[in-house]
Structure formats: C-alpha cells, structure tokens
C-alpha cells in the first residue's frame, strides 16, 4: 500500500485544517507513513476582498500572502528534526489565469523553499476574473446566479483546471471533479470538458490524485470512477497517487486500502513515486 500522503492540511496561521502541524505529522508517523506532505492552501487573488472576513486564509494582497506562506514554511522547517517521518513542504494552489495573478505568483515562486506544489481548483469565475467565488460560498451569493450564468461559470471552472495542467507548475492535480460535491458539473453537458481534462493530463504527462475524501461526501472518490477507468488504459495513461486530503488526524490514510483495491482491479500500474515531486518552475 502507498506509504506516503501528500495532500494534508493543518490549522497553523488560520489554514482550514482542524489539527496543528505537529499533531498531523505525529499521527502520520504513528500510522506508519514514511512521508507526509503538508499542502495548506495558497489562495490569493486581487478579487478576494469580499471574502476576507469570512476566510482568513484568503488574501487579496499578494505581498501579505507571501509573508504568510514564508512563515508557514518556517514552522514546518522547525518541526523536521523532531520526527523520523520525512516531511515535505508544499502548497495546494488555486491557479488563476489572470495576468496579474500569474505575474505575482511567478515572482513569488523563487522565494518559496518548497518541495512541490499541487493544484486544487475551488473557484467559479467569469471570463475576465473580475468576479470569482469559492464554490463553498456560492450559497451566500445574493442574488443567486441564474442557470445560464452558473453553467458558464462551471465551464470556466473546468477550463481553469485545464489551464492549471498546461501551466507546468504542479507535481500533480487534485480532485479533478471537486465541483460535483456541490451538484455542479454532473450532467452530460460537462462530459466533454472532463475528457479535455484527461487529454491535457495525457499530453503533458501530469499526474493526478485519487482523492478519497469523496467517499465521505458523495460515496465515491474524486475523480469519478468512470474517469479513473478511462485513464487506466495500458496500465494508466499518467501516474496516479492516492490522497486523503486530510484536515483531521483520523482522516489520514482513510480509504487507502479500498482505493488500492480499485487500482488493482483496473490494473492501474502507473503509480506516482516521490521522485516525481518537482520544485516549482
């Protein structure tokens, strides 16, 4: 069974985990993992101002964001000598296409001494990113978007995942169909976009995760099993790894055995290994 977990969260500096970094690292070590990757959220954008009061881990100021991320790295670096488990430092990045975001992100990268980045897309947006909304906060919008607008935002969401894949920044891509938790992107109108995501993964040889948190939310992993089957051809068109997306110590490694059996049944042998982690470009 996979002995590492690379998609985990903690509660340092207002991140959305429920336990401290120390508690998460110790729990992973106690569970027999040889490596834990800490990948708290990197969510920054100049249009996030309306959400700052509700979400202290969001930033609309790129300089403030960088200072917080540097502090996060320092906290983890100081913990490394206390444990035998290998601690990798990363971020789960909400990627955006806006030129201003890309410029600040690329300027920031050389200053962040991290082992890897993964991309997890959590936002809906309009075409020019003058409006963005975390999918979780969609229910708070007033007025609510009409069906046509929501449809276009969902298309933009999938297009953004494709752009993140093509960017080359990321060691792997997280929960490809995350939006389905909220009843978005489920019907046949979006199937073509999901195939385009898989095609982008194959073309760039970008790994993806099978996120087991979906078993608790919608009784299946992310992405949907039919997508995993599509990508399992010839042993797997790109490397895959299992991720628990753990925000709690008790979630570490949850459903890994079940997912290992799924991969075995599909003969998905192209597995992600730790030497595939890459530092940001």
Foldseek 3Di string as FASTA:
>chain_A
DQQEAAQEEECPPQFDFDHHPVVQVVLSVVVRRQEYHYATAQAEDLLCVVCCVVRVLYYNDLVVSLVSLQVVVVVVVVCCVVDNRHYFYEYAYADDDAPVVVVSVVVSQVVHPGQFYEYEHQWFADDNRNDIDGLVCQVVDPPHDDPVSLLRSLLVSLVSLLVVLVVPFGLEYEQNPVNVLVVPQDDPVNVVSLVSNVVSCLVSLHEYEFEPCVCVRPNGTGPHLVSVLVQCPPLGSHAYYYHQSHSDSVSVPPCVVVVVVSSVVSNNNRHDDPVSGHRGD
